[in-house]
Every structure is written in structure tokens, then in C-alpha cells.
Amino acid sequence: MRTGAADMGTGPGTGIRRVEPDDEKAVEAAVRLLDEAFQEDPVSSWVFPDPAHRRETHRHLMRAFLEISLAEGRVDLAEDGTATALWVDVPAEPEEAEEDGPAQLRAAVDPGNERVELIGRLTAGVHPHGRAHTYLLLIAVAPDRQGRGVGAALVAPVLERCDREGLPAYLEASSARSSLLYERLGFAHLGEPLRLPGGPLMYPMWREPRG
């Protein structure tokens, strides 16, 4: 849905492992990291405006996103457990889903919260189609490691693969600040920002492959 809570400066190389669906320890580490990193994110705060409810329920949304990435793309985790990135492979013409994804997400995560469903519908409405691309669904860096280039090191191998294979990349930045950081990696704004009703802006961004 969006990216945030990540630093995109240059930094030292980071050992990276790909999370496998049956590696419950790595899955739990990634969910815990996502939950911690996005607790105060503007979009998460809009989806779960009550802080106590967010602390209780937010992790279920993060797990749902991670499971989507495991099924439809990949999940990368820094070897030291300080950062994780969720990618989804999007075909040029996605198959029509048999079931309503945003409604399923709401039912699984927080049935009484219409914003869980709404965030899915709104982001799907601005998501580009017509070209196969990789979608950076979420990236999170532990708060005490932000500003050290960990996020940039984590996404670099996938972006390098995009460049080799001529594959674009897409994301939704959850703040103006993070959108500036993604510009350093070659992303450019795609259309107008998405305004969540009564909430923050999200910034769709697209990266053409380099070289």
C-alpha cells in the first residue's frame, strides 16, 4: 500500500536474506519490525486513529501485507533483522480477482474498521497498469537504525535487477519527506498525490529502469 519509515541515504552494504513462507522465525521478525516501524506512520495513524487500538491491531495488517508479498512476490530481511522490504510482482494485465481483496483484508484484520478496506480501494485506484512492474509495497527500518543507509542497501539488489531486466518499479510514499528520499533512487512522482479522506497525502511514484 505504501512505503515509509525507511531511510534511503547511501550506506554500507547490508547482508540480505529472502524470507521463505515456512520460516516462521523470519516471518515473525519481519512482522514485528513492520509493526514497530509503522506505528507512528501518517497512513497507519489514519487507518487506526485510536493509538490503543493501533497498538493492538496494526500488526495484523502488517502480517496480511507480508503474506500477500510472500504469495505474489518476495520479502527481503536484513541479516541483522533491522530492515525488511515487501515486493509484489505485478503483471502487465493483472488477472481479475475472484474475490474482493480490500473487503477480504478488512474482514481478516479489523472487520469494524472501514478504513482498512478503503485504503486498499484508494491505492488500487491509482495503481498503474499496462506494464509489468515490481511494487515496493512496504519497507521498514528499525527506528534506531534509520538515517544510516540501511533502507537503500536493502532495496538496491532488486532495483539493480530491474535495471538489468528493463523492469519498472512502483511505490506509494506515505509522506513528502520519504518521497524526496525515493527520488534519489530514481523514482519520480506519478500524477497527483492521493489524499486520504480527512487524512494525509500519499505519493504514487514510478521508476523507469536505468541503462
N, C-alpha and C. Protein backbone atom coordinates (compact mmCIF):
# COMPACT_ATOMS: atom_id res chain seq x y z
N MET A 1 0.80 -1.20 0.00
CA MET A 1 0.00 0.00 0.00
C MET A 1 0.85 1.27 0.00
N ARG A 2 1.90 1.27 0.80
CA ARG A 2 2.73 2.46 0.81
C ARG A 2 4.08 2.10 1.38
N THR A 3 5.01 3.03 1.24
CA THR A 3 6.30 2.83 1.85
C THR A 3 6.56 3.98 2.79
N GLY A 4 7.37 3.73 3.77
CA GLY A 4 7.70 4.76 4.73
C GLY A 4 8.57 4.16 5.81
N ALA A 5 8.84 4.96 6.83
CA ALA A 5 9.65 4.50 7.95
C ALA A 5 10.95 3.90 7.47
N ALA A 6 11.50 4.46 6.40
CA ALA A 6 12.74 3.93 5.85
C ALA A 6 13.69 5.07 5.54
N ASP A 7 14.98 4.83 5.70
CA ASP A 7 15.96 5.82 5.29
C ASP A 7 16.52 5.36 3.95
N MET A 8 16.72 6.32 3.05
CA MET A 8 17.16 5.96 1.71
C MET A 8 18.49 6.63 1.37
N GLY A 9 19.26 6.98 2.37
CA GLY A 9 20.57 7.54 2.09
C GLY A 9 21.54 6.46 1.67
N THR A 10 22.72 6.86 1.27
CA THR A 10 23.73 5.86 0.94
C THR A 10 24.32 5.33 2.22
N GLY A 11 24.78 4.08 2.17
CA GLY A 11 25.31 3.49 3.38
C GLY A 11 26.06 2.23 3.07
N PRO A 12 26.60 1.57 4.07
CA PRO A 12 27.37 0.36 3.86
C PRO A 12 26.49 -0.78 3.37
N GLY A 13 27.10 -1.79 2.78
CA GLY A 13 26.36 -2.94 2.31
C GLY A 13 25.67 -3.65 3.46
N THR A 14 24.52 -4.21 3.17
CA THR A 14 23.73 -4.89 4.18
C THR A 14 23.50 -6.33 3.73
N GLY A 15 23.81 -7.31 4.60
CA GLY A 15 23.51 -8.69 4.28
C GLY A 15 22.01 -8.88 4.22
N ILE A 16 21.52 -9.56 3.18
CA ILE A 16 20.09 -9.69 2.96
C ILE A 16 19.73 -11.16 2.80
N ARG A 17 18.63 -11.55 3.38
CA ARG A 17 18.11 -12.90 3.19
C ARG A 17 16.68 -12.79 2.68
N ARG A 18 16.31 -13.75 1.84
CA ARG A 18 14.93 -13.82 1.35
C ARG A 18 14.12 -14.66 2.32
N VAL A 19 13.00 -14.14 2.75
CA VAL A 19 12.16 -14.84 3.71
C VAL A 19 11.32 -15.88 2.97
N GLU A 20 11.34 -17.11 3.47
CA GLU A 20 10.52 -18.18 2.91
C GLU A 20 9.25 -18.33 3.76
N PRO A 21 8.14 -18.72 3.12
CA PRO A 21 6.87 -18.81 3.85
C PRO A 21 6.91 -19.72 5.06
N ASP A 22 7.74 -20.78 5.02
CA ASP A 22 7.77 -21.72 6.13
C ASP A 22 8.80 -21.36 7.20
N ASP A 23 9.47 -20.23 7.03
CA ASP A 23 10.44 -19.78 8.02
C ASP A 23 9.72 -18.87 9.02
N GLU A 24 9.03 -19.49 9.97
CA GLU A 24 8.19 -18.73 10.88
C GLU A 24 8.99 -17.72 11.71
N LYS A 25 10.21 -18.05 12.06
CA LYS A 25 11.02 -17.12 12.83
C LYS A 25 11.30 -15.85 12.05
N ALA A 26 11.64 -15.97 10.78
CA ALA A 26 11.91 -14.79 9.95
C ALA A 26 10.61 -14.03 9.69
N VAL A 27 9.52 -14.76 9.48
CA VAL A 27 8.23 -14.10 9.25
C VAL A 27 7.86 -13.26 10.46
N GLU A 28 7.99 -13.83 11.65
CA GLU A 28 7.65 -13.09 12.87
C GLU A 28 8.56 -11.89 13.06
N ALA A 29 9.83 -12.04 12.73
CA ALA A 29 10.77 -10.92 12.85
C ALA A 29 10.36 -9.78 11.92
N ALA A 30 9.96 -10.12 10.69
CA ALA A 30 9.56 -9.09 9.73
C ALA A 30 8.27 -8.40 10.17
N VAL A 31 7.30 -9.18 10.65
CA VAL A 31 6.04 -8.59 11.12
C VAL A 31 6.30 -7.65 12.30
N ARG A 32 7.12 -8.08 13.23
CA ARG A 32 7.43 -7.26 14.39
C ARG A 32 8.10 -5.96 13.98
N LEU A 33 9.01 -6.04 13.03
CA LEU A 33 9.71 -4.85 12.55
C LEU A 33 8.76 -3.89 11.85
N LEU A 34 7.89 -4.43 10.98
CA LEU A 34 6.91 -3.59 10.29
C LEU A 34 5.98 -2.90 11.27
N ASP A 35 5.53 -3.65 12.26
CA ASP A 35 4.61 -3.09 13.25
C ASP A 35 5.28 -1.96 14.01
N GLU A 36 6.50 -2.17 14.43
CA GLU A 36 7.21 -1.15 15.20
C GLU A 36 7.49 0.09 14.35
N ALA A 37 7.96 -0.13 13.13
CA ALA A 37 8.38 0.99 12.30
C ALA A 37 7.21 1.86 11.84
N PHE A 38 6.03 1.25 11.65
CA PHE A 38 4.89 2.00 11.10
C PHE A 38 3.88 2.44 12.14
N GLN A 39 4.15 2.22 13.41
CA GLN A 39 3.18 2.60 14.43
C GLN A 39 2.82 4.08 14.37
N GLU A 40 3.78 4.95 14.10
CA GLU A 40 3.53 6.39 14.06
C GLU A 40 3.50 6.93 12.64
N ASP A 41 3.46 6.07 11.65
CA ASP A 41 3.39 6.50 10.26
C ASP A 41 2.07 7.23 10.00
N PRO A 42 2.08 8.30 9.18
CA PRO A 42 0.83 9.06 8.95
C PRO A 42 -0.31 8.20 8.42
N VAL A 43 -0.02 7.27 7.52
CA VAL A 43 -1.10 6.46 6.95
C VAL A 43 -1.62 5.46 7.97
N SER A 44 -0.71 4.80 8.69
CA SER A 44 -1.16 3.87 9.73
C SER A 44 -1.98 4.59 10.79
N SER A 45 -1.59 5.82 11.12
CA SER A 45 -2.33 6.59 12.12
C SER A 45 -3.71 6.97 11.61
N TRP A 46 -3.84 7.13 10.29
CA TRP A 46 -5.16 7.41 9.70
C TRP A 46 -6.02 6.15 9.70
N VAL A 47 -5.44 5.02 9.34
CA VAL A 47 -6.20 3.77 9.31
C VAL A 47 -6.65 3.38 10.71
N PHE A 48 -5.78 3.59 11.70
CA PHE A 48 -6.08 3.24 13.09
C PHE A 48 -5.90 4.50 13.95
N PRO A 49 -6.87 5.41 13.95
CA PRO A 49 -6.68 6.69 14.65
C PRO A 49 -6.55 6.58 16.16
N ASP A 50 -7.12 5.56 16.76
CA ASP A 50 -7.00 5.39 18.21
C ASP A 50 -5.69 4.69 18.53
N PRO A 51 -4.77 5.32 19.25
CA PRO A 51 -3.46 4.72 19.50
C PRO A 51 -3.52 3.36 20.18
N ALA A 52 -4.43 3.20 21.14
CA ALA A 52 -4.51 1.92 21.85
C ALA A 52 -4.98 0.81 20.89
N HIS A 53 -5.94 1.12 20.07
CA HIS A 53 -6.42 0.14 19.10
C HIS A 53 -5.34 -0.17 18.07
N ARG A 54 -4.58 0.85 17.69
CA ARG A 54 -3.49 0.64 16.72
C ARG A 54 -2.44 -0.30 17.30
N ARG A 55 -2.09 -0.11 18.54
CA ARG A 55 -1.09 -0.98 19.16
C ARG A 55 -1.56 -2.44 19.19
N GLU A 56 -2.85 -2.64 19.29
CA GLU A 56 -3.41 -3.99 19.38
C GLU A 56 -3.60 -4.64 18.01
N THR A 57 -3.97 -3.84 17.00
CA THR A 57 -4.46 -4.39 15.74
C THR A 57 -3.53 -4.19 14.57
N HIS A 58 -2.70 -3.19 14.62
CA HIS A 58 -1.86 -2.82 13.49
C HIS A 58 -1.02 -3.99 12.98
N ARG A 59 -0.50 -4.79 13.90
CA ARG A 59 0.38 -5.89 13.47
C ARG A 59 -0.34 -6.89 12.57
N HIS A 60 -1.66 -7.01 12.73
CA HIS A 60 -2.41 -7.93 11.88
C HIS A 60 -2.44 -7.44 10.43
N LEU A 61 -2.51 -6.13 10.25
CA LEU A 61 -2.45 -5.57 8.90
C LEU A 61 -1.08 -5.79 8.30
N MET A 62 -0.03 -5.61 9.09
CA MET A 62 1.32 -5.83 8.59
C MET A 62 1.52 -7.29 8.19
N ARG A 63 0.99 -8.21 8.96
CA ARG A 63 1.10 -9.63 8.61
C ARG A 63 0.36 -9.92 7.31
N ALA A 64 -0.82 -9.31 7.15
CA ALA A 64 -1.58 -9.53 5.91
C ALA A 64 -0.79 -9.05 4.69
N PHE A 65 -0.16 -7.89 4.80
CA PHE A 65 0.65 -7.39 3.69
C PHE A 65 1.83 -8.32 3.42
N LEU A 66 2.45 -8.80 4.48
CA LEU A 66 3.58 -9.70 4.30
C LEU A 66 3.14 -10.99 3.61
N GLU A 67 2.00 -11.52 3.98
CA GLU A 67 1.52 -12.74 3.35
C GLU A 67 1.21 -12.53 1.87
N ILE A 68 0.70 -11.36 1.51
CA ILE A 68 0.49 -11.03 0.10
C ILE A 68 1.80 -11.06 -0.65
N SER A 69 2.84 -10.47 -0.06
CA SER A 69 4.15 -10.41 -0.72
C SER A 69 4.77 -11.80 -0.84
N LEU A 70 4.61 -12.63 0.18
CA LEU A 70 5.14 -13.98 0.10
C LEU A 70 4.47 -14.77 -1.03
N ALA A 71 3.18 -14.51 -1.25
CA ALA A 71 2.43 -15.24 -2.26
C ALA A 71 2.65 -14.69 -3.66
N GLU A 72 2.87 -13.38 -3.78
CA GLU A 72 2.87 -12.75 -5.09
C GLU A 72 4.18 -12.04 -5.43
N GLY A 73 5.18 -12.17 -4.60
CA GLY A 73 6.44 -11.50 -4.87
C GLY A 73 7.54 -12.04 -3.99
N ARG A 74 8.10 -11.19 -3.13
CA ARG A 74 9.18 -11.62 -2.26
C ARG A 74 9.24 -10.71 -1.03
N VAL A 75 9.83 -11.24 0.02
CA VAL A 75 10.09 -10.47 1.24
C VAL A 75 11.57 -10.60 1.54
N ASP A 76 12.25 -9.47 1.66
CA ASP A 76 13.66 -9.44 2.00
C ASP A 76 13.83 -8.93 3.43
N LEU A 77 14.77 -9.53 4.13
CA LEU A 77 15.04 -9.16 5.52
C LEU A 77 16.54 -8.98 5.70
N ALA A 78 16.94 -7.86 6.29
CA ALA A 78 18.35 -7.67 6.59
C ALA A 78 18.81 -8.76 7.54
N GLU A 79 20.02 -9.25 7.34
CA GLU A 79 20.54 -10.34 8.15
C GLU A 79 20.53 -10.02 9.64
N ASP A 80 20.72 -8.75 9.97
CA ASP A 80 20.73 -8.38 11.39
C ASP A 80 19.33 -8.04 11.90
N GLY A 81 18.31 -8.22 11.06
CA GLY A 81 16.93 -8.03 11.49
C GLY A 81 16.50 -6.58 11.65
N THR A 82 17.24 -5.63 11.07
CA THR A 82 16.93 -4.22 11.28
C THR A 82 16.11 -3.60 10.16
N ALA A 83 15.84 -4.34 9.09
CA ALA A 83 15.08 -3.77 7.97
C ALA A 83 14.43 -4.88 7.18
N THR A 84 13.29 -4.57 6.59
CA THR A 84 12.60 -5.52 5.73
C THR A 84 11.91 -4.79 4.60
N ALA A 85 11.80 -5.45 3.45
CA ALA A 85 11.15 -4.87 2.28
C ALA A 85 10.20 -5.90 1.69
N LEU A 86 9.00 -5.46 1.35
CA LEU A 86 7.97 -6.31 0.78
C LEU A 86 7.73 -5.91 -0.67
N TRP A 87 7.91 -6.86 -1.58
CA TRP A 87 7.76 -6.61 -3.01
C TRP A 87 6.64 -7.48 -3.57
N VAL A 88 5.91 -6.94 -4.53
CA VAL A 88 4.87 -7.69 -5.23
C VAL A 88 5.14 -7.58 -6.73
N ASP A 89 5.12 -8.72 -7.42
CA ASP A 89 5.29 -8.74 -8.88
C ASP A 89 3.94 -8.49 -9.54
N VAL A 90 3.86 -7.43 -10.34
CA VAL A 90 2.59 -7.06 -10.98
C VAL A 90 2.70 -7.29 -12.48
N PRO A 91 1.87 -8.16 -13.04
CA PRO A 91 1.92 -8.39 -14.49
C PRO A 91 1.33 -7.21 -15.26
N ALA A 92 1.57 -7.19 -16.57
CA ALA A 92 1.08 -6.10 -17.40
C ALA A 92 -0.44 -5.99 -17.33
N GLU A 93 -1.10 -7.12 -17.36
CA GLU A 93 -2.56 -7.16 -17.27
C GLU A 93 -2.95 -8.12 -16.16
N PRO A 94 -3.09 -7.61 -14.94
CA PRO A 94 -3.42 -8.49 -13.81
C PRO A 94 -4.72 -9.25 -14.05
N GLU A 95 -4.72 -10.51 -13.61
CA GLU A 95 -5.94 -11.29 -13.71
C GLU A 95 -7.00 -10.72 -12.78
N GLU A 96 -8.24 -10.81 -13.22
CA GLU A 96 -9.33 -10.31 -12.39
C GLU A 96 -9.48 -11.21 -11.16
N ALA A 97 -9.44 -10.58 -10.00
CA ALA A 97 -9.53 -11.35 -8.76
C ALA A 97 -10.90 -11.99 -8.60
N GLU A 98 -10.91 -13.22 -8.11
CA GLU A 98 -12.18 -13.91 -7.91
C GLU A 98 -12.93 -13.34 -6.71
N GLU A 99 -12.22 -12.77 -5.76
CA GLU A 99 -12.86 -12.22 -4.58
C GLU A 99 -12.39 -10.78 -4.37
N ASP A 100 -13.14 -10.06 -3.57
CA ASP A 100 -12.88 -8.65 -3.31
C ASP A 100 -11.74 -8.53 -2.30
N GLY A 101 -10.53 -8.19 -2.79
CA GLY A 101 -9.36 -8.14 -1.93
C GLY A 101 -9.48 -7.17 -0.77
N PRO A 102 -9.84 -5.89 -1.01
CA PRO A 102 -9.96 -4.95 0.12
C PRO A 102 -10.97 -5.38 1.16
N ALA A 103 -12.10 -5.95 0.72
CA ALA A 103 -13.10 -6.42 1.69
C ALA A 103 -12.56 -7.60 2.47
N GLN A 104 -11.83 -8.49 1.80
CA GLN A 104 -11.21 -9.63 2.49
C GLN A 104 -10.21 -9.14 3.52
N LEU A 105 -9.43 -8.12 3.14
CA LEU A 105 -8.43 -7.58 4.06
C LEU A 105 -9.10 -7.05 5.31
N ARG A 106 -10.16 -6.30 5.14
CA ARG A 106 -10.89 -5.74 6.28
C ARG A 106 -11.43 -6.84 7.18
N ALA A 107 -12.02 -7.87 6.57
CA ALA A 107 -12.60 -8.96 7.35
C ALA A 107 -11.55 -9.69 8.15
N ALA A 108 -10.35 -9.81 7.59
CA ALA A 108 -9.29 -10.56 8.25
C ALA A 108 -8.59 -9.75 9.33
N VAL A 109 -8.51 -8.45 9.13
CA VAL A 109 -7.68 -7.61 10.00
C VAL A 109 -8.49 -6.91 11.08
N ASP A 110 -9.57 -6.23 10.69
CA ASP A 110 -10.31 -5.37 11.63
C ASP A 110 -11.70 -5.13 11.04
N PRO A 111 -12.62 -6.10 11.17
CA PRO A 111 -13.91 -6.04 10.47
C PRO A 111 -14.71 -4.75 10.69
N GLY A 112 -14.58 -4.14 11.85
CA GLY A 112 -15.35 -2.94 12.13
C GLY A 112 -14.73 -1.66 11.61
N ASN A 113 -13.59 -1.76 10.96
CA ASN A 113 -12.83 -0.57 10.55
C ASN A 113 -12.89 -0.42 9.03
N GLU A 114 -13.75 0.46 8.54
CA GLU A 114 -13.91 0.62 7.10
C GLU A 114 -12.67 1.20 6.43
N ARG A 115 -11.80 1.83 7.20
CA ARG A 115 -10.62 2.42 6.59
C ARG A 115 -9.61 1.36 6.12
N VAL A 116 -9.63 0.20 6.73
CA VAL A 116 -8.77 -0.89 6.26
C VAL A 116 -9.14 -1.26 4.83
N GLU A 117 -10.42 -1.31 4.55
CA GLU A 117 -10.90 -1.60 3.21
C GLU A 117 -10.68 -0.42 2.27
N LEU A 118 -10.93 0.79 2.77
CA LEU A 118 -10.84 1.98 1.94
C LEU A 118 -9.42 2.23 1.45
N ILE A 119 -8.43 1.99 2.30
CA ILE A 119 -7.05 2.22 1.87
C ILE A 119 -6.70 1.31 0.69
N GLY A 120 -7.23 0.09 0.71
CA GLY A 120 -6.99 -0.82 -0.40
C GLY A 120 -7.66 -0.35 -1.68
N ARG A 121 -8.87 0.14 -1.58
CA ARG A 121 -9.58 0.60 -2.77
C ARG A 121 -8.95 1.86 -3.35
N LEU A 122 -8.55 2.77 -2.49
CA LEU A 122 -7.99 4.03 -2.97
C LEU A 122 -6.63 3.82 -3.63
N THR A 123 -5.78 3.01 -3.03
CA THR A 123 -4.47 2.78 -3.64
C THR A 123 -4.60 1.96 -4.93
N ALA A 124 -5.55 1.02 -4.95
CA ALA A 124 -5.77 0.27 -6.19
C ALA A 124 -6.24 1.19 -7.31
N GLY A 125 -6.96 2.24 -6.94
CA GLY A 125 -7.48 3.17 -7.94
C GLY A 125 -6.41 3.99 -8.63
N VAL A 126 -5.27 4.19 -7.97
CA VAL A 126 -4.20 4.98 -8.59
C VAL A 126 -3.05 4.12 -9.09
N HIS A 127 -3.13 2.81 -8.84
CA HIS A 127 -2.04 1.92 -9.23
C HIS A 127 -2.00 1.80 -10.75
N PRO A 128 -0.83 2.02 -11.37
CA PRO A 128 -0.74 1.95 -12.83
C PRO A 128 -0.80 0.52 -13.35
N HIS A 129 -1.35 0.37 -14.55
CA HIS A 129 -1.41 -0.94 -15.20
C HIS A 129 -0.98 -0.77 -16.66
N GLY A 130 -0.82 -1.86 -17.33
CA GLY A 130 -0.41 -1.84 -18.73
C GLY A 130 1.02 -2.22 -18.97
N ARG A 131 1.85 -2.19 -17.91
CA ARG A 131 3.24 -2.64 -17.99
C ARG A 131 3.56 -3.47 -16.77
N ALA A 132 4.21 -4.59 -17.00
CA ALA A 132 4.67 -5.38 -15.87
C ALA A 132 5.65 -4.56 -15.04
N HIS A 133 5.59 -4.67 -13.73
CA HIS A 133 6.49 -3.92 -12.86
C HIS A 133 6.56 -4.60 -11.50
N THR A 134 7.51 -4.16 -10.70
CA THR A 134 7.60 -4.64 -9.33
C THR A 134 7.13 -3.52 -8.40
N TYR A 135 6.37 -3.88 -7.39
CA TYR A 135 5.69 -2.95 -6.50
C TYR A 135 6.33 -3.05 -5.12
N LEU A 136 6.95 -1.97 -4.68
CA LEU A 136 7.51 -1.92 -3.34
C LEU A 136 6.37 -1.59 -2.39
N LEU A 137 5.76 -2.63 -1.84
CA LEU A 137 4.57 -2.47 -1.03
C LEU A 137 4.88 -1.78 0.29
N LEU A 138 5.91 -2.24 0.97
CA LEU A 138 6.31 -1.66 2.25
C LEU A 138 7.81 -1.84 2.43
N ILE A 139 8.43 -0.88 3.07
CA ILE A 139 9.80 -1.05 3.54
C ILE A 139 9.90 -0.41 4.91
N ALA A 140 10.53 -1.11 5.82
CA ALA A 140 10.64 -0.61 7.19
C ALA A 140 12.06 -0.79 7.69
N VAL A 141 12.52 0.21 8.42
CA VAL A 141 13.84 0.17 9.07
C VAL A 141 13.62 0.44 10.55
N ALA A 142 14.26 -0.35 11.38
CA ALA A 142 14.14 -0.15 12.83
C ALA A 142 14.47 1.29 13.19
N PRO A 143 13.69 1.89 14.08
CA PRO A 143 13.89 3.31 14.41
C PRO A 143 15.33 3.67 14.79
N ASP A 144 16.01 2.79 15.50
CA ASP A 144 17.36 3.12 15.94
C ASP A 144 18.40 2.93 14.84
N ARG A 145 17.99 2.46 13.66
CA ARG A 145 18.93 2.30 12.55
C ARG A 145 18.63 3.22 11.39
N GLN A 146 17.61 4.06 11.53
CA GLN A 146 17.26 4.96 10.44
C GLN A 146 18.32 6.04 10.28
N GLY A 147 18.48 6.50 9.03
CA GLY A 147 19.48 7.51 8.74
C GLY A 147 20.86 6.97 8.46
N ARG A 148 21.00 5.64 8.36
CA ARG A 148 22.31 5.02 8.15
C ARG A 148 22.43 4.31 6.81
N GLY A 149 21.46 4.50 5.93
CA GLY A 149 21.54 3.89 4.61
C GLY A 149 21.10 2.45 4.55
N VAL A 150 20.49 1.94 5.62
CA VAL A 150 20.08 0.55 5.64
C VAL A 150 18.99 0.28 4.60
N GLY A 151 18.02 1.19 4.49
CA GLY A 151 16.93 1.00 3.53
C GLY A 151 17.41 0.98 2.10
N ALA A 152 18.32 1.89 1.76
CA ALA A 152 18.86 1.94 0.40
C ALA A 152 19.60 0.66 0.06
N ALA A 153 20.37 0.15 1.03
CA ALA A 153 21.11 -1.09 0.80
C ALA A 153 20.16 -2.26 0.61
N LEU A 154 19.02 -2.24 1.30
CA LEU A 154 18.08 -3.34 1.22
C LEU A 154 17.39 -3.41 -0.15
N VAL A 155 17.02 -2.25 -0.70
CA VAL A 155 16.29 -2.26 -1.98
C VAL A 155 17.21 -2.28 -3.18
N ALA A 156 18.49 -1.98 -2.99
CA ALA A 156 19.41 -1.87 -4.12
C ALA A 156 19.45 -3.12 -5.00
N PRO A 157 19.55 -4.34 -4.45
CA PRO A 157 19.62 -5.51 -5.32
C PRO A 157 18.40 -5.67 -6.22
N VAL A 158 17.21 -5.37 -5.72
CA VAL A 158 16.01 -5.50 -6.54
C VAL A 158 15.99 -4.43 -7.63
N LEU A 159 16.38 -3.21 -7.30
CA LEU A 159 16.41 -2.16 -8.32
C LEU A 159 17.48 -2.45 -9.37
N GLU A 160 18.59 -3.04 -8.95
CA GLU A 160 19.62 -3.43 -9.92
C GLU A 160 19.08 -4.50 -10.87
N ARG A 161 18.31 -5.44 -10.33
CA ARG A 161 17.68 -6.45 -11.19
C ARG A 161 16.70 -5.79 -12.15
N CYS A 162 15.94 -4.82 -11.66
CA CYS A 162 15.01 -4.09 -12.53
C CYS A 162 15.77 -3.45 -13.69
N ASP A 163 16.92 -2.87 -13.40
CA ASP A 163 17.71 -2.23 -14.45
C ASP A 163 18.21 -3.25 -15.46
N ARG A 164 18.66 -4.39 -14.98
CA ARG A 164 19.16 -5.43 -15.89
C ARG A 164 18.05 -5.98 -16.78
N GLU A 165 16.86 -6.14 -16.22
CA GLU A 165 15.77 -6.78 -16.94
C GLU A 165 14.82 -5.79 -17.61
N GLY A 166 15.10 -4.50 -17.48
CA GLY A 166 14.23 -3.49 -18.08
C GLY A 166 12.86 -3.42 -17.44
N LEU A 167 12.82 -3.61 -16.12
CA LEU A 167 11.55 -3.68 -15.40
C LEU A 167 11.33 -2.42 -14.57
N PRO A 168 10.20 -1.73 -14.74
CA PRO A 168 9.91 -0.56 -13.90
C PRO A 168 9.59 -0.98 -12.47
N ALA A 169 9.58 0.01 -11.59
CA ALA A 169 9.21 -0.20 -10.19
C ALA A 169 8.22 0.89 -9.78
N TYR A 170 7.38 0.57 -8.80
CA TYR A 170 6.33 1.48 -8.36
C TYR A 170 6.22 1.42 -6.84
N LEU A 171 5.80 2.53 -6.25
CA LEU A 171 5.53 2.58 -4.82
C LEU A 171 4.59 3.73 -4.53
N GLU A 172 4.08 3.75 -3.30
CA GLU A 172 3.34 4.91 -2.79
C GLU A 172 4.05 5.39 -1.53
N ALA A 173 4.65 6.55 -1.60
CA ALA A 173 5.32 7.11 -0.42
C ALA A 173 4.27 7.67 0.53
N SER A 174 4.49 7.49 1.81
CA SER A 174 3.50 7.91 2.80
C SER A 174 3.75 9.29 3.37
N SER A 175 4.75 9.99 2.84
CA SER A 175 4.99 11.36 3.28
C SER A 175 5.81 12.09 2.22
N ALA A 176 5.74 13.42 2.24
CA ALA A 176 6.52 14.21 1.29
C ALA A 176 8.01 13.99 1.53
N ARG A 177 8.41 13.84 2.78
CA ARG A 177 9.82 13.63 3.10
C ARG A 177 10.32 12.33 2.48
N SER A 178 9.56 11.26 2.65
CA SER A 178 10.03 10.00 2.11
C SER A 178 10.03 10.01 0.59
N SER A 179 9.11 10.78 -0.02
CA SER A 179 9.11 10.85 -1.48
C SER A 179 10.39 11.49 -2.00
N LEU A 180 10.91 12.45 -1.28
CA LEU A 180 12.19 13.06 -1.68
C LEU A 180 13.32 12.05 -1.60
N LEU A 181 13.27 11.19 -0.60
CA LEU A 181 14.31 10.18 -0.46
C LEU A 181 14.24 9.17 -1.61
N TYR A 182 13.04 8.80 -2.03
CA TYR A 182 12.91 7.84 -3.13
C TYR A 182 13.34 8.44 -4.46
N GLU A 183 13.23 9.76 -4.58
CA GLU A 183 13.70 10.40 -5.80
C GLU A 183 15.19 10.13 -6.01
N ARG A 184 15.94 10.01 -4.92
CA ARG A 184 17.37 9.73 -5.04
C ARG A 184 17.64 8.37 -5.67
N LEU A 185 16.66 7.47 -5.58
CA LEU A 185 16.82 6.14 -6.15
C LEU A 185 16.23 6.04 -7.55
N GLY A 186 15.81 7.16 -8.10
CA GLY A 186 15.33 7.17 -9.47
C GLY A 186 13.83 7.17 -9.62
N PHE A 187 13.08 7.23 -8.52
CA PHE A 187 11.62 7.30 -8.61
C PHE A 187 11.18 8.74 -8.91
N ALA A 188 10.09 8.86 -9.66
CA ALA A 188 9.51 10.17 -9.97
C ALA A 188 8.03 10.13 -9.65
N HIS A 189 7.47 11.28 -9.32
CA HIS A 189 6.05 11.34 -8.98
C HIS A 189 5.20 10.96 -10.19
N LEU A 190 4.14 10.23 -9.92
CA LEU A 190 3.25 9.74 -10.96
C LEU A 190 1.86 10.34 -10.71
N GLY A 191 1.54 11.39 -11.44
CA GLY A 191 0.25 12.04 -11.25
C GLY A 191 0.18 12.82 -9.96
N GLU A 192 -1.04 13.14 -9.56
CA GLU A 192 -1.28 13.91 -8.35
C GLU A 192 -1.21 13.03 -7.12
N PRO A 193 -0.85 13.61 -5.97
CA PRO A 193 -0.89 12.83 -4.73
C PRO A 193 -2.31 12.33 -4.44
N LEU A 194 -2.39 11.24 -3.73
CA LEU A 194 -3.66 10.68 -3.29
C LEU A 194 -3.95 11.20 -1.89
N ARG A 195 -5.08 11.88 -1.73
CA ARG A 195 -5.45 12.38 -0.40
C ARG A 195 -6.43 11.42 0.24
N LEU A 196 -6.06 10.88 1.39
CA LEU A 196 -6.97 10.05 2.14
C LEU A 196 -8.05 10.93 2.78
N PRO A 197 -9.30 10.55 2.75
CA PRO A 197 -10.37 11.40 3.29
C PRO A 197 -10.11 11.82 4.73
N GLY A 198 -9.96 13.11 4.90
CA GLY A 198 -9.68 13.63 6.23
C GLY A 198 -8.32 13.24 6.76
N GLY A 199 -7.42 12.83 5.88
CA GLY A 199 -6.12 12.33 6.32
C GLY A 199 -4.97 12.84 5.48
N PRO A 200 -3.85 12.15 5.53
CA PRO A 200 -2.63 12.61 4.87
C PRO A 200 -2.63 12.32 3.37
N LEU A 201 -1.62 12.85 2.72
CA LEU A 201 -1.40 12.57 1.32
C LEU A 201 -0.51 11.34 1.16
N MET A 202 -0.73 10.62 0.07
CA MET A 202 0.18 9.57 -0.36
C MET A 202 0.68 9.94 -1.75
N TYR A 203 1.90 9.51 -2.07
CA TYR A 203 2.57 9.97 -3.27
C TYR A 203 2.92 8.79 -4.17
N PRO A 204 2.09 8.51 -5.21
CA PRO A 204 2.44 7.45 -6.16
C PRO A 204 3.73 7.83 -6.91
N MET A 205 4.65 6.86 -7.02
CA MET A 205 5.93 7.13 -7.66
C MET A 205 6.32 5.96 -8.56
N TRP A 206 6.95 6.29 -9.66
CA TRP A 206 7.29 5.31 -10.70
C TRP A 206 8.77 5.44 -11.04
N ARG A 207 9.41 4.31 -11.25
CA ARG A 207 10.83 4.31 -11.60
C ARG A 207 11.04 3.55 -12.90
N GLU A 208 11.51 4.25 -13.91
CA GLU A 208 11.90 3.58 -15.14
C GLU A 208 13.25 2.91 -14.94
N PRO A 209 13.46 1.76 -15.56
CA PRO A 209 14.77 1.11 -15.41
C PRO A 209 15.88 1.96 -16.00
N ARG A 210 17.01 1.94 -15.37
CA ARG A 210 18.17 2.72 -15.83
C ARG A 210 19.02 1.88 -16.76
N GLY A 211 19.68 2.57 -17.69
CA GLY A 211 20.63 1.90 -18.57
C GLY A 211 19.99 1.11 -19.66
